[in-house]
Each structure stands twice: as structure tokens, then as C-alpha cells.
Amino acid sequence: MDKRPCAVLISGQVAWRTSLERALKEQGIDTIGVDSKEKALELPFRHKVAALIFDLTVQHGSLKGACRFLRDAAVFKTVPLIIFIREQQLVELDSAFAIDDFIIQRENFQEAVARIKQVFRRGLYSKNREALTIKDLVVDLENYEASIQGVPIYLTFKEFELLKFLLLNRGRVFSRDELLDKVWGYDNYVGTRTVDIHIQRLRNKLGSAVGDMIVTVRNVGYKFATE
């Protein structure tokens, strides 16, 4: 088995996929391209998959169903998932999507590479032995796990990163732009719905007792309340 972390790029558009693979490899990210999600399932047995990149711009069926297919696979349970979609597909995104990021500007490889690189740089390989406890919520920063009253809750990589950042900065208000910069790690993005969608997901998954502590500060942004 090849133990080097790699990204799996799923797209039926061969020319586009090859171009993005080349751009990622130029940045030191090993990439394996396949033309279907079914073929992607075979790769974790031979490679160390650190990220899934799924082109859904030509998807004819349900976006949620396509994403769920990968997320429900045991080999991909904890692997960050980034999807490419068209602007018209934004209306299909909601808190039930188990994705870590989405990209609209399909031809903007500079932005895509910047986002994907964050997955490799961040907490997948970091070690932090602290745990944060807020009410019934326990967040294990080392193992990237969270639970409420001892019951594990599933958070995607970006949801966990966002929750961790807000918890470590409790009481401070951050604009959407600041959260994009601090959590996603880039300045070039399409709209601020990325943050809004992830906040909505967190609130839903944490339940009202804890989720309501993520407060919307009108005309400013979000904060995690101190009380």
C-alpha cells in the first residue's frame, strides 16, 4: 500500500480532471483521477486517501445522493469531501450535506488548489491533546471527535474546524470574511453562503441547548456565546 497521502479526483470530464490533477501535483499534492464514484471506492485499499474531490457540475441526479454514496462508505467516513458545483445547484445545498467545502468557479484552479491544500495542512495530522467542554458538549481536539452527553456526533472536517475555532475564541464576534480566512484559509471565495451553511449544520447537529450558543450578530457575523 502506498502510504503517501493523496487526493482522489472524481470527474467524468477527462480534460478538466487532467488539468486539475496537474495543478495539484505542481503544488506537491499527489492526485489520483477516476471517472466515477464507484471506482473511487477501490482506492483506499491501495492508497492513503486524504481528500475526496468530486466534480458534480454535470450531475443529473440528486447531489445529496451522490455525496451520501461516498460518505456512507466505511473507507471514506472520515475523509474530507470537497465538491464542485454550478451556481444554479446552490439551492440544493442544505445542512444535511455531509461535505467539507464546495467550489463554484470550476475553472479557477488557483482557488481550487488553495482550498484543497488546506485539507492537507490542517488538523488531519495535527496533535493537540486538549479537550474542550461546554455544557454537555465535549470536543476532543486530538482525535477530532465530538459528543453530547457521551453520544458521538458526526461532524465533517470543516464543521469540526469551525466549531473548534469558535470555541477557542468564545465571546468574540467574527465576520464571515474573517471565518473564511481563519477556518478555510483563503481570501478568494464565491459568496458568504459557505459560512452560513456550515453554521446552520453545526446548530442542527449540536441541538438547541448547545447549538443556540452559536449566535448571529446582526450585520456583523457569528460568535460562540460565553454563557
Protein backbone atom coordinates (compact mmCIF):
# COMPACT_ATOMS: atom_id res chain seq x y z
CA MET A 1 0.00 0.00 0.00
CA ASP A 2 1.24 3.47 -0.90
CA LYS A 3 1.30 5.39 2.41
CA ARG A 4 1.75 8.85 0.90
CA PRO A 5 -1.38 10.99 1.40
CA CYS A 6 -3.18 11.63 -1.86
CA ALA A 7 -6.29 13.35 -3.15
CA VAL A 8 -8.82 11.42 -5.22
CA LEU A 9 -10.36 13.48 -8.01
CA ILE A 10 -13.66 12.15 -9.36
CA SER A 11 -14.83 13.56 -12.69
CA GLY A 12 -16.05 12.23 -15.99
CA GLN A 13 -14.59 15.26 -17.74
CA VAL A 14 -11.17 13.88 -18.62
CA ALA A 15 -9.54 17.06 -19.93
CA TRP A 16 -10.67 19.12 -16.92
CA ARG A 17 -9.69 16.39 -14.47
CA THR A 18 -6.24 16.06 -16.00
CA SER A 19 -5.67 19.81 -15.81
CA LEU A 20 -6.64 19.98 -12.14
CA GLU A 21 -4.50 16.92 -11.36
CA ARG A 22 -1.55 18.68 -12.95
CA ALA A 23 -2.19 21.88 -10.97
CA LEU A 24 -2.37 19.93 -7.70
CA LYS A 25 0.77 17.94 -8.41
CA GLU A 26 2.64 21.18 -9.11
CA GLN A 27 1.80 22.12 -5.52
CA GLY A 28 3.10 18.82 -4.17
CA ILE A 29 -0.26 17.08 -3.79
CA ASP A 30 -0.30 13.54 -5.14
CA THR A 31 -3.55 13.03 -7.02
CA ILE A 32 -5.37 10.04 -8.46
CA GLY A 33 -8.10 10.68 -11.02
CA VAL A 34 -11.08 8.39 -11.65
CA ASP A 35 -14.21 8.87 -13.73
CA SER A 36 -16.79 7.55 -11.27
CA LYS A 37 -17.55 7.41 -7.55
CA GLU A 38 -17.74 3.62 -7.78
CA LYS A 39 -14.11 3.41 -8.92
CA ALA A 40 -13.09 5.71 -6.06
CA LEU A 41 -14.24 3.07 -3.55
CA GLU A 42 -11.45 0.74 -4.67
CA LEU A 43 -8.61 3.19 -3.97
CA PRO A 44 -8.33 3.22 -0.13
CA PHE A 45 -7.17 -0.38 -0.21
CA ARG A 46 -4.10 0.64 -2.21
CA HIS A 47 -3.60 4.30 -1.29
CA LYS A 48 -3.82 6.59 1.73
CA VAL A 49 -6.69 8.85 0.67
CA ALA A 50 -6.54 12.21 2.46
CA ALA A 51 -9.21 14.07 0.47
CA LEU A 52 -12.03 13.45 -1.99
CA ILE A 53 -12.67 15.98 -4.74
CA PHE A 54 -15.96 15.32 -6.53
CA ASP A 55 -16.99 17.14 -9.71
CA LEU A 56 -20.79 17.38 -9.66
CA THR A 57 -21.20 20.10 -12.26
CA VAL A 58 -22.56 17.57 -14.75
CA GLN A 59 -24.53 15.58 -12.17
CA HIS A 60 -28.00 14.69 -13.45
CA GLY A 61 -29.35 13.01 -10.33
CA SER A 62 -29.51 14.07 -6.69
CA LEU A 63 -26.45 15.92 -5.37
CA LYS A 64 -27.23 14.72 -1.88
CA GLY A 65 -27.48 11.12 -3.05
CA ALA A 66 -24.14 11.32 -4.85
CA CYS A 67 -22.41 12.76 -1.78
CA ARG A 68 -24.10 10.30 0.55
CA PHE A 69 -22.85 7.41 -1.58
CA LEU A 70 -19.28 8.36 -0.71
CA ARG A 71 -19.91 9.43 2.87
CA ASP A 72 -21.72 6.19 3.72
CA ALA A 73 -18.77 4.11 2.53
CA ALA A 74 -16.82 2.91 5.57
CA VAL A 75 -13.49 3.62 3.86
CA PHE A 76 -14.42 7.31 3.45
CA LYS A 77 -16.20 8.01 6.75
CA THR A 78 -13.56 10.46 7.98
CA VAL A 79 -12.11 11.62 4.65
CA PRO A 80 -12.78 15.30 3.84
CA LEU A 81 -15.07 15.76 0.84
CA ILE A 82 -14.93 18.79 -1.47
CA ILE A 83 -17.42 19.15 -4.31
CA PHE A 84 -17.50 21.26 -7.46
CA ILE A 85 -20.99 22.50 -8.36
CA ARG A 86 -22.65 25.02 -10.66
CA GLU A 87 -24.07 28.23 -9.24
CA GLN A 88 -27.58 27.01 -10.11
CA GLN A 89 -27.02 23.99 -7.86
CA LEU A 90 -26.55 26.12 -4.74
CA VAL A 91 -30.26 25.85 -3.96
CA GLU A 92 -29.81 22.11 -3.40
CA LEU A 93 -27.28 22.57 -0.60
CA ASP A 94 -28.58 22.34 2.95
CA SER A 95 -27.42 21.26 6.39
CA ALA A 96 -27.87 17.58 5.53
CA PHE A 97 -24.98 17.62 3.07
CA ALA A 98 -22.01 15.78 4.57
CA ILE A 99 -19.38 17.82 2.73
CA ASP A 100 -16.46 19.88 3.93
CA ASP A 101 -16.37 22.51 1.22
CA PHE A 102 -17.85 23.39 -2.16
CA ILE A 103 -16.38 25.28 -5.10
CA ILE A 104 -18.36 27.06 -7.78
CA GLN A 105 -15.70 28.55 -10.01
CA ARG A 106 -14.80 25.33 -11.78
CA GLU A 107 -12.11 26.84 -13.99
CA ASN A 108 -10.44 28.82 -11.21
CA PHE A 109 -7.72 26.31 -10.42
CA GLN A 110 -5.84 28.79 -8.24
CA GLU A 111 -8.76 28.97 -5.82
CA ALA A 112 -9.44 25.24 -6.01
CA VAL A 113 -5.84 24.34 -5.24
CA ALA A 114 -5.74 26.81 -2.34
CA ARG A 115 -8.81 25.23 -0.77
CA ILE A 116 -7.68 21.67 -1.31
CA LYS A 117 -4.25 22.38 0.15
CA GLN A 118 -5.90 23.40 3.41
CA VAL A 119 -7.22 19.88 3.85
CA PHE A 120 -3.67 18.56 3.78
CA ARG A 121 -2.24 21.27 6.00
CA ARG A 122 -4.77 21.30 8.79
CA GLY A 123 -5.77 19.07 11.65
CA LEU A 124 -5.84 15.73 9.84
CA TYR A 125 -2.31 15.18 11.06
CA SER A 126 -2.14 17.63 13.95
CA LYS A 127 -1.85 16.50 17.55
CA ASN A 128 -3.50 18.53 20.26
CA ARG A 129 -4.20 16.68 23.48
CA GLU A 130 -6.69 19.16 24.87
CA ALA A 131 -10.42 18.63 25.11
CA LEU A 132 -12.99 21.40 25.29
CA THR A 133 -16.12 21.00 27.39
CA ILE A 134 -19.12 23.31 27.06
CA LYS A 135 -22.29 22.23 28.87
CA ASP A 136 -22.89 18.66 27.62
CA LEU A 137 -20.57 19.08 24.64
CA VAL A 138 -17.09 17.52 24.73
CA VAL A 139 -14.74 18.25 21.84
CA ASP A 140 -11.64 16.05 21.59
CA LEU A 141 -9.14 18.16 19.65
CA GLU A 142 -6.61 15.35 19.28
CA ASN A 143 -8.91 12.75 17.79
CA TYR A 144 -11.27 15.14 16.01
CA GLU A 145 -14.29 13.78 17.83
CA ALA A 146 -17.25 15.46 19.49
CA SER A 147 -20.01 14.14 21.72
CA ILE A 148 -23.03 15.41 23.62
CA GLN A 149 -23.89 13.63 26.87
CA GLY A 150 -21.48 10.92 25.79
CA VAL A 151 -23.22 10.33 22.46
CA PRO A 152 -20.89 10.85 19.46
CA ILE A 153 -21.99 13.37 16.86
CA TYR A 154 -20.72 13.23 13.30
CA LEU A 155 -19.01 16.41 12.13
CA THR A 156 -17.31 16.87 8.80
CA PHE A 157 -13.74 18.15 8.79
CA LYS A 158 -14.73 21.75 8.12
CA GLU A 159 -17.60 21.66 10.62
CA PHE A 160 -15.17 20.49 13.28
CA GLU A 161 -12.63 23.15 12.33
CA LEU A 162 -15.29 25.87 12.50
CA LEU A 163 -16.59 24.64 15.86
CA LYS A 164 -13.07 24.42 17.26
CA PHE A 165 -12.20 27.93 16.10
CA LEU A 166 -15.35 29.44 17.61
CA LEU A 167 -14.86 27.56 20.89
CA LEU A 168 -11.24 28.65 21.20
CA ASN A 169 -12.37 32.25 20.66
CA ARG A 170 -15.56 32.24 22.73
CA GLY A 171 -17.28 35.57 23.09
CA ARG A 172 -15.52 37.17 20.13
CA VAL A 173 -17.52 38.09 17.03
CA PHE A 174 -16.12 37.14 13.63
CA SER A 175 -17.37 38.35 10.28
CA ARG A 176 -17.99 35.83 7.53
CA ASP A 177 -14.88 37.08 5.74
CA GLU A 178 -12.78 36.51 8.86
CA LEU A 179 -14.15 32.99 9.31
CA LEU A 180 -13.41 32.16 5.68
CA ASP A 181 -9.86 33.37 6.16
CA LYS A 182 -9.24 31.76 9.57
CA VAL A 183 -11.01 28.43 9.06
CA TRP A 184 -10.86 27.89 5.29
CA GLY A 185 -7.57 29.68 4.91
CA TYR A 186 -8.13 31.67 1.74
CA ASP A 187 -9.40 35.09 0.77
CA ASN A 188 -10.77 34.32 -2.70
CA TYR A 189 -14.24 32.80 -2.48
CA VAL A 190 -17.66 32.88 -4.07
CA GLY A 191 -20.23 34.39 -1.71
CA THR A 192 -20.54 34.00 2.04
CA ARG A 193 -23.06 31.17 1.97
CA THR A 194 -20.19 28.79 2.70
CA VAL A 195 -20.06 30.06 6.28
CA ASP A 196 -23.84 30.31 6.67
CA ILE A 197 -24.38 26.72 5.54
CA HIS A 198 -21.74 25.36 7.91
CA ILE A 199 -23.14 27.37 10.83
CA GLN A 200 -26.61 26.00 10.10
CA ARG A 201 -25.27 22.46 10.03
CA LEU A 202 -23.47 22.90 13.34
CA ARG A 203 -26.55 24.27 15.05
CA ASN A 204 -28.66 21.39 13.79
CA LYS A 205 -26.16 18.74 14.83
CA LEU A 206 -25.42 20.23 18.25
CA GLY A 207 -29.08 20.61 19.19
CA SER A 208 -30.71 23.67 20.70
CA ALA A 209 -29.00 23.53 24.11
CA VAL A 210 -25.54 23.93 22.60
CA GLY A 211 -26.31 24.98 19.03
CA ASP A 212 -28.11 28.12 20.19
CA MET A 213 -24.84 29.26 21.74
CA ILE A 214 -23.61 29.94 18.21
CA VAL A 215 -25.06 33.41 18.00
CA THR A 216 -25.73 35.50 14.91
CA VAL A 217 -24.67 39.10 15.47
CA ARG A 218 -26.75 41.10 13.06
CA ASN A 219 -24.84 42.86 10.29
CA VAL A 220 -21.55 41.55 11.70
CA GLY A 221 -21.16 37.77 11.81
CA TYR A 222 -21.10 34.95 14.36
CA LYS A 223 -19.76 34.15 17.80
CA PHE A 224 -19.89 31.33 20.33
CA ALA A 225 -21.52 32.75 23.45
CA THR A 226 -19.67 32.62 26.75
CA GLU A 227 -22.81 31.74 28.70
